[in-house]
Amino acid sequence: MTEGHRQRSPAAARNRDPILAVLRETIPERARVLEVASGTGEHAAFFTAAMPGWTWQPSDPQPAALASIRAWRPHGGDGLLAPLELDVTAEWPVAGPLDALVAINLIHISPWRVTEALMAGAGRLLADGGVLVLYGPYRENGEHTASSNAAFDADLRARDPQWGVRDLEAVTEAAAVHGLMLEQRHAMPANNLTVVFRRSAGTG
C-alpha cells in the first residue's frame, strides 16, 4: 500500500510493537543506531517516536525505499535522520562507533554474501559491547520452526535460488568470525525470531 511516496507494509504494522519491546531491553535509552535495509521506513518512524533518545540512521539501496523513508520521516521522532543509500556489499557511508545495528527481514531475502557483509560491517562499526539485532525467520537444528516457514522458504528459493530461510547456527558462525556473539533469542509473531549478537571488547 502506498500514500504518495510513503509506503505501508502490513507486516511492519504487526511486528513493530514486539520488535520495539526487544530493542528497548537491548539498546540504551540514548544510542546511535544504524538500520540496514530500512524498507518502507515505518519501523524507523515508529521506533524513534517511541524512543526520543535514539539517533536512528535509516538506510536502503533502493530508490523507492529511500523515497518512502523520507516521506515517513516527519512521522518519526527528532532522532530520525535522513536516509542513506547503503548496499552492505559495497562501501558503507557510515562511521563508527555505533551502539546498535538493526536489520529487519533482510538476510533471507538476499544472497548469503549479504549476511557475510553485514557481519563484517557490524564488526567494524559497533562499539565494544554494541549489539547487532536481526529479525526474521530461521531454521534451527537443521529444521524449520513451522510448516509456514518451510513453505515460505520454498517460495523464496523459487524466486531466487540465492535467497532462503537461513540456519541460525550458520548465521551465528558468520557473526563469530567478526567478534559478534549470540546473546539473546526471542520468539516473535508469525514464527519469526529476534536474535541479538553482542560485539566482544577488543575485536574488529
N, C-alpha and C. Protein backbone atom coordinates (compact mmCIF):
# COMPACT_ATOMS: atom_id res chain seq x y z
N MET A 1 0.84 -1.18 0.00
CA MET A 1 0.00 0.00 0.00
C MET A 1 0.88 1.25 0.00
N THR A 2 0.50 2.26 -0.78
CA THR A 2 1.29 3.48 -0.85
C THR A 2 0.39 4.70 -0.65
N GLU A 3 0.94 5.76 -0.08
CA GLU A 3 0.29 7.07 0.03
C GLU A 3 1.31 8.07 -0.50
N GLY A 4 1.28 8.32 -1.82
CA GLY A 4 2.35 9.07 -2.42
C GLY A 4 3.63 8.24 -2.35
N HIS A 5 4.70 8.83 -1.85
CA HIS A 5 5.94 8.09 -1.69
C HIS A 5 5.93 7.24 -0.42
N ARG A 6 5.01 7.53 0.51
CA ARG A 6 5.01 6.83 1.80
C ARG A 6 4.34 5.47 1.64
N GLN A 7 5.15 4.41 1.70
CA GLN A 7 4.65 3.06 1.55
C GLN A 7 4.29 2.47 2.92
N ARG A 8 3.37 1.52 2.90
CA ARG A 8 2.99 0.82 4.13
C ARG A 8 3.12 -0.68 3.92
N SER A 9 3.56 -1.37 4.97
CA SER A 9 3.68 -2.82 4.95
C SER A 9 2.82 -3.40 6.06
N PRO A 10 1.85 -4.27 5.75
CA PRO A 10 1.05 -4.88 6.81
C PRO A 10 1.90 -5.62 7.84
N ALA A 11 2.99 -6.25 7.38
CA ALA A 11 3.86 -6.97 8.31
C ALA A 11 4.49 -6.02 9.32
N ALA A 12 4.89 -4.83 8.86
CA ALA A 12 5.50 -3.86 9.77
C ALA A 12 4.53 -3.44 10.86
N ALA A 13 3.28 -3.25 10.50
CA ALA A 13 2.28 -2.87 11.50
C ALA A 13 2.07 -3.98 12.53
N ARG A 14 2.22 -5.22 12.10
CA ARG A 14 2.02 -6.35 13.04
C ARG A 14 3.23 -6.57 13.95
N ASN A 15 4.43 -6.36 13.43
CA ASN A 15 5.60 -6.77 14.22
C ASN A 15 6.32 -5.63 14.93
N ARG A 16 5.91 -4.39 14.69
CA ARG A 16 6.67 -3.27 15.22
C ARG A 16 6.66 -3.21 16.75
N ASP A 17 5.54 -3.53 17.38
CA ASP A 17 5.50 -3.49 18.84
C ASP A 17 6.37 -4.57 19.48
N PRO A 18 6.28 -5.84 19.05
CA PRO A 18 7.18 -6.85 19.63
C PRO A 18 8.65 -6.57 19.39
N ILE A 19 8.99 -6.05 18.21
CA ILE A 19 10.40 -5.73 17.95
C ILE A 19 10.85 -4.58 18.85
N LEU A 20 10.01 -3.56 18.98
CA LEU A 20 10.37 -2.43 19.85
C LEU A 20 10.60 -2.90 21.29
N ALA A 21 9.79 -3.84 21.75
CA ALA A 21 9.96 -4.34 23.13
C ALA A 21 11.35 -4.93 23.32
N VAL A 22 11.84 -5.69 22.33
CA VAL A 22 13.19 -6.26 22.42
C VAL A 22 14.25 -5.16 22.34
N LEU A 23 14.04 -4.21 21.43
CA LEU A 23 15.03 -3.13 21.28
C LEU A 23 15.15 -2.32 22.57
N ARG A 24 14.03 -2.07 23.22
CA ARG A 24 14.06 -1.31 24.47
C ARG A 24 14.87 -2.03 25.54
N GLU A 25 14.79 -3.35 25.56
CA GLU A 25 15.55 -4.13 26.53
C GLU A 25 17.04 -4.19 26.20
N THR A 26 17.37 -3.98 24.93
CA THR A 26 18.70 -4.27 24.42
C THR A 26 19.56 -3.04 24.17
N ILE A 27 18.92 -1.94 23.73
CA ILE A 27 19.64 -0.74 23.33
C ILE A 27 19.46 0.33 24.41
N PRO A 28 20.51 1.03 24.80
CA PRO A 28 20.39 2.08 25.82
C PRO A 28 19.39 3.17 25.40
N GLU A 29 18.88 3.91 26.38
CA GLU A 29 17.90 4.96 26.09
C GLU A 29 18.48 6.04 25.19
N ARG A 30 19.76 6.29 25.30
CA ARG A 30 20.45 7.21 24.40
C ARG A 30 21.45 6.39 23.60
N ALA A 31 21.27 6.34 22.30
CA ALA A 31 22.09 5.45 21.49
C ALA A 31 22.12 5.92 20.05
N ARG A 32 23.20 5.55 19.38
CA ARG A 32 23.36 5.81 17.94
C ARG A 32 23.14 4.48 17.22
N VAL A 33 22.12 4.45 16.36
CA VAL A 33 21.68 3.20 15.74
C VAL A 33 21.69 3.34 14.22
N LEU A 34 22.20 2.32 13.55
CA LEU A 34 22.11 2.21 12.09
C LEU A 34 21.14 1.09 11.76
N GLU A 35 20.14 1.40 10.96
CA GLU A 35 19.24 0.36 10.44
C GLU A 35 19.60 0.09 8.99
N VAL A 36 19.89 -1.14 8.68
CA VAL A 36 20.22 -1.58 7.32
C VAL A 36 18.96 -2.13 6.67
N ALA A 37 18.75 -1.81 5.39
CA ALA A 37 17.58 -2.28 4.65
C ALA A 37 16.29 -1.84 5.36
N SER A 38 16.14 -0.53 5.49
CA SER A 38 15.00 0.02 6.25
C SER A 38 13.67 -0.13 5.53
N GLY A 39 13.68 -0.44 4.24
CA GLY A 39 12.43 -0.71 3.53
C GLY A 39 11.53 0.51 3.48
N THR A 40 10.28 0.36 3.92
CA THR A 40 9.32 1.46 3.83
C THR A 40 9.68 2.63 4.74
N GLY A 41 10.41 2.37 5.83
CA GLY A 41 10.71 3.41 6.81
C GLY A 41 9.75 3.46 7.97
N GLU A 42 8.73 2.60 7.96
CA GLU A 42 7.73 2.59 9.04
C GLU A 42 8.36 2.25 10.39
N HIS A 43 9.22 1.25 10.40
CA HIS A 43 9.85 0.87 11.67
C HIS A 43 10.66 2.03 12.23
N ALA A 44 11.45 2.68 11.38
CA ALA A 44 12.28 3.78 11.84
C ALA A 44 11.44 4.89 12.45
N ALA A 45 10.34 5.24 11.80
CA ALA A 45 9.47 6.29 12.31
C ALA A 45 8.83 5.88 13.64
N PHE A 46 8.36 4.65 13.72
CA PHE A 46 7.69 4.17 14.93
C PHE A 46 8.66 4.10 16.10
N PHE A 47 9.84 3.54 15.86
CA PHE A 47 10.81 3.37 16.95
C PHE A 47 11.29 4.71 17.49
N THR A 48 11.56 5.66 16.60
CA THR A 48 12.09 6.94 17.07
C THR A 48 11.01 7.79 17.73
N ALA A 49 9.76 7.63 17.33
CA ALA A 49 8.68 8.33 18.02
C ALA A 49 8.55 7.82 19.45
N ALA A 50 8.80 6.52 19.65
CA ALA A 50 8.69 5.92 20.97
C ALA A 50 9.92 6.16 21.84
N MET A 51 11.10 6.29 21.20
CA MET A 51 12.37 6.41 21.93
C MET A 51 13.11 7.66 21.47
N PRO A 52 12.80 8.81 22.05
CA PRO A 52 13.39 10.07 21.57
C PRO A 52 14.89 10.19 21.79
N GLY A 53 15.47 9.33 22.62
CA GLY A 53 16.91 9.38 22.86
C GLY A 53 17.74 8.63 21.82
N TRP A 54 17.07 7.95 20.89
CA TRP A 54 17.80 7.22 19.86
C TRP A 54 18.05 8.12 18.66
N THR A 55 19.30 8.19 18.21
CA THR A 55 19.63 8.80 16.92
C THR A 55 19.67 7.67 15.91
N TRP A 56 18.69 7.65 15.03
CA TRP A 56 18.43 6.48 14.17
C TRP A 56 18.76 6.81 12.72
N GLN A 57 19.75 6.11 12.17
CA GLN A 57 20.15 6.30 10.79
C GLN A 57 19.54 5.21 9.91
N PRO A 58 18.47 5.51 9.16
CA PRO A 58 17.92 4.51 8.24
C PRO A 58 18.75 4.45 6.96
N SER A 59 18.64 3.33 6.27
CA SER A 59 19.38 3.18 5.01
C SER A 59 18.71 2.12 4.15
N ASP A 60 18.98 2.18 2.86
CA ASP A 60 18.46 1.17 1.93
C ASP A 60 19.17 1.38 0.59
N PRO A 61 19.32 0.33 -0.21
CA PRO A 61 19.93 0.51 -1.53
C PRO A 61 18.95 0.91 -2.63
N GLN A 62 17.62 0.83 -2.35
CA GLN A 62 16.62 1.01 -3.39
C GLN A 62 16.04 2.42 -3.39
N PRO A 63 16.00 3.09 -4.55
CA PRO A 63 15.46 4.46 -4.62
C PRO A 63 14.02 4.58 -4.10
N ALA A 64 13.16 3.61 -4.41
CA ALA A 64 11.77 3.70 -3.94
C ALA A 64 11.70 3.62 -2.43
N ALA A 65 12.54 2.79 -1.83
CA ALA A 65 12.57 2.69 -0.37
C ALA A 65 13.09 3.99 0.23
N LEU A 66 14.13 4.57 -0.34
CA LEU A 66 14.67 5.82 0.18
C LEU A 66 13.62 6.92 0.12
N ALA A 67 12.83 6.96 -0.95
CA ALA A 67 11.76 7.96 -1.05
C ALA A 67 10.70 7.73 0.01
N SER A 68 10.36 6.47 0.28
CA SER A 68 9.37 6.17 1.31
C SER A 68 9.88 6.55 2.70
N ILE A 69 11.15 6.26 2.97
CA ILE A 69 11.73 6.61 4.27
C ILE A 69 11.68 8.12 4.47
N ARG A 70 12.03 8.87 3.43
CA ARG A 70 11.97 10.33 3.54
C ARG A 70 10.54 10.80 3.81
N ALA A 71 9.57 10.14 3.19
CA ALA A 71 8.17 10.52 3.39
C ALA A 71 7.68 10.18 4.80
N TRP A 72 8.25 9.13 5.40
CA TRP A 72 7.87 8.75 6.77
C TRP A 72 8.58 9.59 7.82
N ARG A 73 9.65 10.26 7.44
CA ARG A 73 10.48 10.95 8.43
C ARG A 73 9.71 11.96 9.29
N PRO A 74 8.77 12.76 8.73
CA PRO A 74 8.03 13.70 9.58
C PRO A 74 7.15 13.00 10.62
N HIS A 75 6.90 11.71 10.45
CA HIS A 75 6.05 10.97 11.39
C HIS A 75 6.87 10.30 12.49
N GLY A 76 8.19 10.41 12.43
CA GLY A 76 9.06 9.82 13.43
C GLY A 76 9.48 10.84 14.47
N GLY A 77 10.41 10.43 15.32
CA GLY A 77 10.94 11.32 16.34
C GLY A 77 12.03 12.22 15.79
N ASP A 78 12.47 13.14 16.64
CA ASP A 78 13.51 14.08 16.23
C ASP A 78 14.83 13.38 15.91
N GLY A 79 15.02 12.19 16.45
CA GLY A 79 16.27 11.46 16.22
C GLY A 79 16.33 10.71 14.91
N LEU A 80 15.25 10.76 14.11
CA LEU A 80 15.25 10.04 12.84
C LEU A 80 15.95 10.88 11.78
N LEU A 81 17.07 10.37 11.27
CA LEU A 81 17.88 11.09 10.30
C LEU A 81 17.41 10.83 8.87
N ALA A 82 17.87 11.65 7.95
CA ALA A 82 17.61 11.42 6.54
C ALA A 82 18.26 10.11 6.11
N PRO A 83 17.62 9.34 5.23
CA PRO A 83 18.16 8.02 4.88
C PRO A 83 19.42 8.11 4.03
N LEU A 84 20.24 7.07 4.17
CA LEU A 84 21.44 6.92 3.36
C LEU A 84 21.24 5.79 2.36
N GLU A 85 21.81 5.94 1.17
CA GLU A 85 21.87 4.84 0.22
C GLU A 85 23.01 3.91 0.64
N LEU A 86 22.68 2.70 1.03
CA LEU A 86 23.69 1.78 1.56
C LEU A 86 23.44 0.38 1.02
N ASP A 87 24.42 -0.14 0.32
CA ASP A 87 24.47 -1.53 -0.12
C ASP A 87 25.52 -2.20 0.75
N VAL A 88 25.11 -3.17 1.56
CA VAL A 88 26.05 -3.73 2.53
C VAL A 88 27.24 -4.42 1.88
N THR A 89 27.13 -4.80 0.60
CA THR A 89 28.25 -5.47 -0.06
C THR A 89 29.22 -4.49 -0.70
N ALA A 90 28.93 -3.18 -0.59
CA ALA A 90 29.81 -2.13 -1.12
C ALA A 90 30.36 -1.32 0.05
N GLU A 91 30.93 -0.17 -0.24
CA GLU A 91 31.47 0.69 0.81
C GLU A 91 30.33 1.30 1.62
N TRP A 92 30.46 1.30 2.95
CA TRP A 92 29.41 1.83 3.81
C TRP A 92 29.66 3.31 4.07
N PRO A 93 28.70 4.20 3.80
CA PRO A 93 28.88 5.63 4.03
C PRO A 93 28.55 6.03 5.47
N VAL A 94 29.05 5.25 6.42
CA VAL A 94 28.75 5.46 7.84
C VAL A 94 30.04 5.29 8.62
N ALA A 95 30.22 6.11 9.63
CA ALA A 95 31.38 5.98 10.52
C ALA A 95 30.93 5.48 11.88
N GLY A 96 31.78 4.69 12.52
CA GLY A 96 31.50 4.23 13.87
C GLY A 96 32.05 5.20 14.89
N PRO A 97 31.92 4.89 16.17
CA PRO A 97 31.27 3.68 16.66
C PRO A 97 29.76 3.82 16.77
N LEU A 98 29.07 2.71 16.57
CA LEU A 98 27.62 2.63 16.73
C LEU A 98 27.29 1.85 17.99
N ASP A 99 26.18 2.21 18.61
CA ASP A 99 25.70 1.44 19.76
C ASP A 99 24.91 0.21 19.31
N ALA A 100 24.28 0.32 18.14
CA ALA A 100 23.47 -0.79 17.66
C ALA A 100 23.34 -0.74 16.14
N LEU A 101 23.19 -1.92 15.55
CA LEU A 101 22.91 -2.08 14.14
C LEU A 101 21.71 -3.01 14.05
N VAL A 102 20.69 -2.60 13.30
CA VAL A 102 19.43 -3.33 13.23
C VAL A 102 19.14 -3.70 11.78
N ALA A 103 18.73 -4.95 11.55
CA ALA A 103 18.31 -5.40 10.21
C ALA A 103 17.07 -6.26 10.36
N ILE A 104 15.98 -5.81 9.78
CA ILE A 104 14.69 -6.49 9.88
C ILE A 104 14.34 -7.09 8.52
N ASN A 105 14.12 -8.40 8.49
CA ASN A 105 13.72 -9.09 7.26
C ASN A 105 14.68 -8.82 6.11
N LEU A 106 15.96 -9.06 6.37
CA LEU A 106 16.98 -8.85 5.34
C LEU A 106 17.61 -10.15 4.87
N ILE A 107 18.14 -10.95 5.79
CA ILE A 107 19.10 -11.96 5.36
C ILE A 107 18.45 -13.13 4.61
N HIS A 108 17.13 -13.33 4.74
CA HIS A 108 16.50 -14.41 3.97
C HIS A 108 16.09 -13.94 2.58
N ILE A 109 16.05 -12.61 2.36
CA ILE A 109 15.67 -12.09 1.04
C ILE A 109 16.90 -11.45 0.41
N SER A 110 17.99 -12.16 0.44
CA SER A 110 19.25 -11.68 -0.13
C SER A 110 20.21 -12.86 -0.22
N PRO A 111 21.24 -12.76 -1.06
CA PRO A 111 22.25 -13.82 -1.13
C PRO A 111 23.04 -13.92 0.17
N TRP A 112 23.65 -15.08 0.40
CA TRP A 112 24.42 -15.30 1.62
C TRP A 112 25.55 -14.28 1.78
N ARG A 113 26.09 -13.80 0.68
CA ARG A 113 27.19 -12.82 0.79
C ARG A 113 26.72 -11.55 1.49
N VAL A 114 25.43 -11.25 1.45
CA VAL A 114 24.91 -10.09 2.17
C VAL A 114 25.02 -10.31 3.67
N THR A 115 24.71 -11.51 4.14
CA THR A 115 24.87 -11.82 5.56
C THR A 115 26.32 -11.67 5.98
N GLU A 116 27.22 -12.21 5.17
CA GLU A 116 28.65 -12.10 5.49
C GLU A 116 29.10 -10.64 5.53
N ALA A 117 28.62 -9.84 4.58
CA ALA A 117 28.99 -8.42 4.55
C ALA A 117 28.38 -7.67 5.73
N LEU A 118 27.17 -8.04 6.10
CA LEU A 118 26.52 -7.42 7.26
C LEU A 118 27.32 -7.68 8.53
N MET A 119 27.77 -8.91 8.71
CA MET A 119 28.57 -9.23 9.89
C MET A 119 29.89 -8.49 9.90
N ALA A 120 30.52 -8.38 8.74
CA ALA A 120 31.78 -7.66 8.66
C ALA A 120 31.58 -6.18 9.00
N GLY A 121 30.50 -5.59 8.48
CA GLY A 121 30.22 -4.20 8.78
C GLY A 121 29.93 -3.97 10.25
N ALA A 122 29.17 -4.88 10.85
CA ALA A 122 28.88 -4.77 12.28
C ALA A 122 30.15 -4.89 13.11
N GLY A 123 31.03 -5.80 12.71
CA GLY A 123 32.29 -5.95 13.42
C GLY A 123 33.16 -4.71 13.35
N ARG A 124 33.10 -4.00 12.21
CA ARG A 124 33.89 -2.77 12.04
C ARG A 124 33.31 -1.60 12.81
N LEU A 125 32.00 -1.45 12.80
CA LEU A 125 31.38 -0.20 13.23
C LEU A 125 30.81 -0.20 14.64
N LEU A 126 30.48 -1.37 15.17
CA LEU A 126 29.90 -1.40 16.51
C LEU A 126 30.96 -1.08 17.56
N ALA A 127 30.56 -0.31 18.55
CA ALA A 127 31.42 -0.07 19.71
C ALA A 127 31.58 -1.36 20.51
N ASP A 128 32.60 -1.42 21.36
CA ASP A 128 32.72 -2.55 22.27
C ASP A 128 31.43 -2.68 23.07
N GLY A 129 30.84 -3.85 23.06
CA GLY A 129 29.58 -4.06 23.76
C GLY A 129 28.36 -3.68 22.96
N GLY A 130 28.54 -3.15 21.72
CA GLY A 130 27.41 -2.81 20.87
C GLY A 130 26.70 -4.06 20.37
N VAL A 131 25.47 -3.88 19.87
CA VAL A 131 24.65 -5.03 19.50
C VAL A 131 24.21 -4.98 18.04
N LEU A 132 24.13 -6.16 17.45
CA LEU A 132 23.51 -6.38 16.15
C LEU A 132 22.21 -7.11 16.40
N VAL A 133 21.10 -6.52 15.96
CA VAL A 133 19.77 -7.09 16.20
C VAL A 133 19.17 -7.48 14.85
N LEU A 134 18.82 -8.75 14.70
CA LEU A 134 18.25 -9.27 13.46
C LEU A 134 16.86 -9.85 13.73
N TYR A 135 15.93 -9.55 12.82
CA TYR A 135 14.57 -10.09 12.92
C TYR A 135 14.24 -10.83 11.64
N GLY A 136 13.61 -12.00 11.77
CA GLY A 136 13.15 -12.74 10.60
C GLY A 136 12.98 -14.21 10.93
N PRO A 137 12.66 -15.04 9.92
CA PRO A 137 12.53 -16.48 10.13
C PRO A 137 13.89 -17.16 10.09
N TYR A 138 14.00 -18.26 10.84
CA TYR A 138 15.24 -19.04 10.86
C TYR A 138 14.90 -20.52 10.94
N ARG A 139 15.83 -21.33 10.43
CA ARG A 139 15.84 -22.75 10.74
C ARG A 139 16.70 -22.94 11.99
N GLU A 140 16.36 -23.93 12.80
CA GLU A 140 17.15 -24.24 13.99
C GLU A 140 17.38 -25.75 14.03
N ASN A 141 18.61 -26.12 14.30
CA ASN A 141 18.98 -27.54 14.31
C ASN A 141 18.61 -28.23 13.00
N GLY A 142 18.77 -27.48 11.91
CA GLY A 142 18.51 -28.04 10.59
C GLY A 142 17.06 -28.16 10.20
N GLU A 143 16.14 -27.65 11.03
CA GLU A 143 14.71 -27.82 10.77
C GLU A 143 14.01 -26.47 10.79
N HIS A 144 12.97 -26.36 9.96
CA HIS A 144 12.11 -25.19 10.03
C HIS A 144 11.32 -25.22 11.34
N THR A 145 11.04 -24.04 11.88
CA THR A 145 10.32 -23.96 13.15
C THR A 145 8.81 -24.05 12.96
N ALA A 146 8.34 -23.99 11.71
CA ALA A 146 6.90 -24.12 11.42
C ALA A 146 6.72 -24.49 9.96
N SER A 147 5.61 -25.14 9.64
CA SER A 147 5.35 -25.53 8.26
C SER A 147 5.20 -24.29 7.37
N SER A 148 4.68 -23.21 7.92
CA SER A 148 4.55 -21.98 7.13
C SER A 148 5.91 -21.44 6.73
N ASN A 149 6.91 -21.60 7.60
CA ASN A 149 8.25 -21.15 7.26
C ASN A 149 8.86 -22.01 6.16
N ALA A 150 8.55 -23.32 6.19
CA ALA A 150 9.05 -24.21 5.13
C ALA A 150 8.46 -23.81 3.78
N ALA A 151 7.18 -23.47 3.76
CA ALA A 151 6.54 -23.04 2.51
C ALA A 151 7.12 -21.70 2.05
N PHE A 152 7.35 -20.81 2.99
CA PHE A 152 7.94 -19.51 2.67
C PHE A 152 9.34 -19.69 2.09
N ASP A 153 10.11 -20.59 2.68
CA ASP A 153 11.46 -20.87 2.21
C ASP A 153 11.43 -21.38 0.77
N ALA A 154 10.52 -22.30 0.49
CA ALA A 154 10.41 -22.83 -0.88
C ALA A 154 10.04 -21.74 -1.87
N ASP A 155 9.16 -20.83 -1.46
CA ASP A 155 8.76 -19.73 -2.33
C ASP A 155 9.94 -18.79 -2.59
N LEU A 156 10.70 -18.49 -1.53
CA LEU A 156 11.87 -17.61 -1.70
C LEU A 156 12.87 -18.21 -2.68
N ARG A 157 13.16 -19.50 -2.51
CA ARG A 157 14.16 -20.15 -3.36
C ARG A 157 13.68 -20.29 -4.80
N ALA A 158 12.35 -20.38 -5.00
CA ALA A 158 11.81 -20.41 -6.35
C ALA A 158 11.97 -19.05 -7.03
N ARG A 159 11.88 -17.98 -6.24
CA ARG A 159 12.03 -16.63 -6.77
C ARG A 159 13.50 -16.32 -7.07
N ASP A 160 14.39 -16.80 -6.21
CA ASP A 160 15.83 -16.60 -6.40
C ASP A 160 16.55 -17.69 -5.63
N PRO A 161 17.30 -18.57 -6.31
CA PRO A 161 17.98 -19.68 -5.62
C PRO A 161 18.97 -19.23 -4.56
N GLN A 162 19.39 -17.97 -4.60
CA GLN A 162 20.34 -17.47 -3.60
C GLN A 162 19.64 -16.98 -2.33
N TRP A 163 18.32 -16.91 -2.35
CA TRP A 163 17.56 -16.50 -1.18
C TRP A 163 17.18 -17.73 -0.36
N GLY A 164 16.61 -17.51 0.82
CA GLY A 164 16.10 -18.62 1.61
C GLY A 164 16.24 -18.38 3.10
N VAL A 165 15.41 -19.07 3.87
CA VAL A 165 15.47 -19.01 5.33
C VAL A 165 16.80 -19.62 5.78
N ARG A 166 17.54 -18.88 6.60
CA ARG A 166 18.89 -19.29 6.98
C ARG A 166 18.88 -20.13 8.25
N ASP A 167 19.91 -20.98 8.36
CA ASP A 167 20.14 -21.72 9.60
C ASP A 167 20.72 -20.76 10.64
N LEU A 168 20.09 -20.69 11.79
CA LEU A 168 20.59 -19.80 12.84
C LEU A 168 22.02 -20.15 13.21
N GLU A 169 22.35 -21.43 13.18
CA GLU A 169 23.71 -21.85 13.52
C GLU A 169 24.73 -21.28 12.53
N ALA A 170 24.38 -21.26 11.25
CA ALA A 170 25.28 -20.71 10.23
C ALA A 170 25.43 -19.20 10.40
N VAL A 171 24.34 -18.53 10.72
CA VAL A 171 24.40 -17.09 10.95
C VAL A 171 25.26 -16.79 12.17
N THR A 172 25.11 -17.61 13.20
CA THR A 172 25.90 -17.43 14.43
C THR A 172 27.39 -17.61 14.15
N GLU A 173 27.73 -18.60 13.33
CA GLU A 173 29.14 -18.81 12.96
C GLU A 173 29.68 -17.65 12.16
N ALA A 174 28.89 -17.11 11.23
CA ALA A 174 29.33 -15.97 10.43
C ALA A 174 29.55 -14.75 11.30
N ALA A 175 28.72 -14.58 12.31
CA ALA A 175 28.87 -13.46 13.24
C ALA A 175 30.13 -13.60 14.08
N ALA A 176 30.39 -14.81 14.53
CA ALA A 176 31.54 -15.04 15.42
C ALA A 176 32.86 -14.69 14.75
N VAL A 177 32.93 -14.85 13.43
CA VAL A 177 34.15 -14.51 12.70
C VAL A 177 34.54 -13.05 12.94
N HIS A 178 33.53 -12.20 13.21
CA HIS A 178 33.77 -10.77 13.38
C HIS A 178 33.56 -10.32 14.83
N GLY A 179 33.69 -11.25 15.75
CA GLY A 179 33.64 -10.90 17.17
C GLY A 179 32.26 -10.65 17.71
N LEU A 180 31.22 -11.18 17.05
CA LEU A 180 29.84 -10.98 17.47
C LEU A 180 29.30 -12.28 18.03
N MET A 181 28.92 -12.26 19.29
CA MET A 181 28.47 -13.46 19.97
C MET A 181 26.95 -13.44 20.19
N LEU A 182 26.30 -14.56 19.87
CA LEU A 182 24.85 -14.65 20.08
C LEU A 182 24.54 -14.56 21.56
N GLU A 183 23.70 -13.61 21.94
CA GLU A 183 23.39 -13.35 23.34
C GLU A 183 21.93 -13.61 23.68
N GLN A 184 21.01 -13.30 22.75
CA GLN A 184 19.59 -13.43 23.03
C GLN A 184 18.87 -14.03 21.84
N ARG A 185 17.82 -14.79 22.14
CA ARG A 185 16.92 -15.34 21.12
C ARG A 185 15.50 -15.13 21.62
N HIS A 186 14.70 -14.39 20.87
CA HIS A 186 13.34 -14.07 21.27
C HIS A 186 12.36 -14.63 20.24
N ALA A 187 11.41 -15.44 20.67
CA ALA A 187 10.34 -15.90 19.78
C ALA A 187 9.41 -14.73 19.51
N MET A 188 8.99 -14.59 18.24
CA MET A 188 8.20 -13.44 17.81
C MET A 188 6.95 -13.92 17.06
N PRO A 189 6.04 -13.00 16.75
CA PRO A 189 4.85 -13.39 15.99
C PRO A 189 5.20 -13.99 14.64
N ALA A 190 4.27 -14.78 14.10
CA ALA A 190 4.38 -15.38 12.77
C ALA A 190 5.61 -16.26 12.62
N ASN A 191 5.99 -16.94 13.72
CA ASN A 191 7.10 -17.90 13.70
C ASN A 191 8.44 -17.27 13.30
N ASN A 192 8.63 -16.02 13.66
CA ASN A 192 9.90 -15.35 13.45
C ASN A 192 10.69 -15.30 14.75
N LEU A 193 11.94 -14.87 14.64
CA LEU A 193 12.80 -14.69 15.81
C LEU A 193 13.43 -13.31 15.75
N THR A 194 13.71 -12.75 16.91
CA THR A 194 14.65 -11.64 17.01
C THR A 194 15.86 -12.18 17.74
N VAL A 195 17.03 -12.05 17.12
CA VAL A 195 18.27 -12.54 17.72
C VAL A 195 19.21 -11.36 17.91
N VAL A 196 19.93 -11.38 19.01
CA VAL A 196 20.82 -10.28 19.38
C VAL A 196 22.23 -10.80 19.51
N PHE A 197 23.14 -10.20 18.76
CA PHE A 197 24.57 -10.51 18.84
C PHE A 197 25.28 -9.32 19.47
N ARG A 198 26.22 -9.58 20.38
CA ARG A 198 26.95 -8.50 21.04
C ARG A 198 28.42 -8.56 20.61
N ARG A 199 28.95 -7.39 20.31
CA ARG A 199 30.35 -7.30 19.90
C ARG A 199 31.25 -7.39 21.11
N SER A 200 32.16 -8.32 21.07
CA SER A 200 33.10 -8.51 22.17
C SER A 200 34.10 -7.39 22.20
N ALA A 201 34.52 -7.01 23.39
CA ALA A 201 35.53 -5.97 23.54
C ALA A 201 36.84 -6.41 22.91
N GLY A 202 37.51 -5.47 22.25
CA GLY A 202 38.83 -5.75 21.72
C GLY A 202 38.84 -6.50 20.42
N THR A 203 37.67 -6.61 19.72
CA THR A 203 37.62 -7.29 18.42
C THR A 203 37.48 -6.26 17.32
N GLY A 204 37.60 -6.74 16.11
CA GLY A 204 37.41 -5.84 14.96
C GLY A 204 38.72 -5.25 14.49
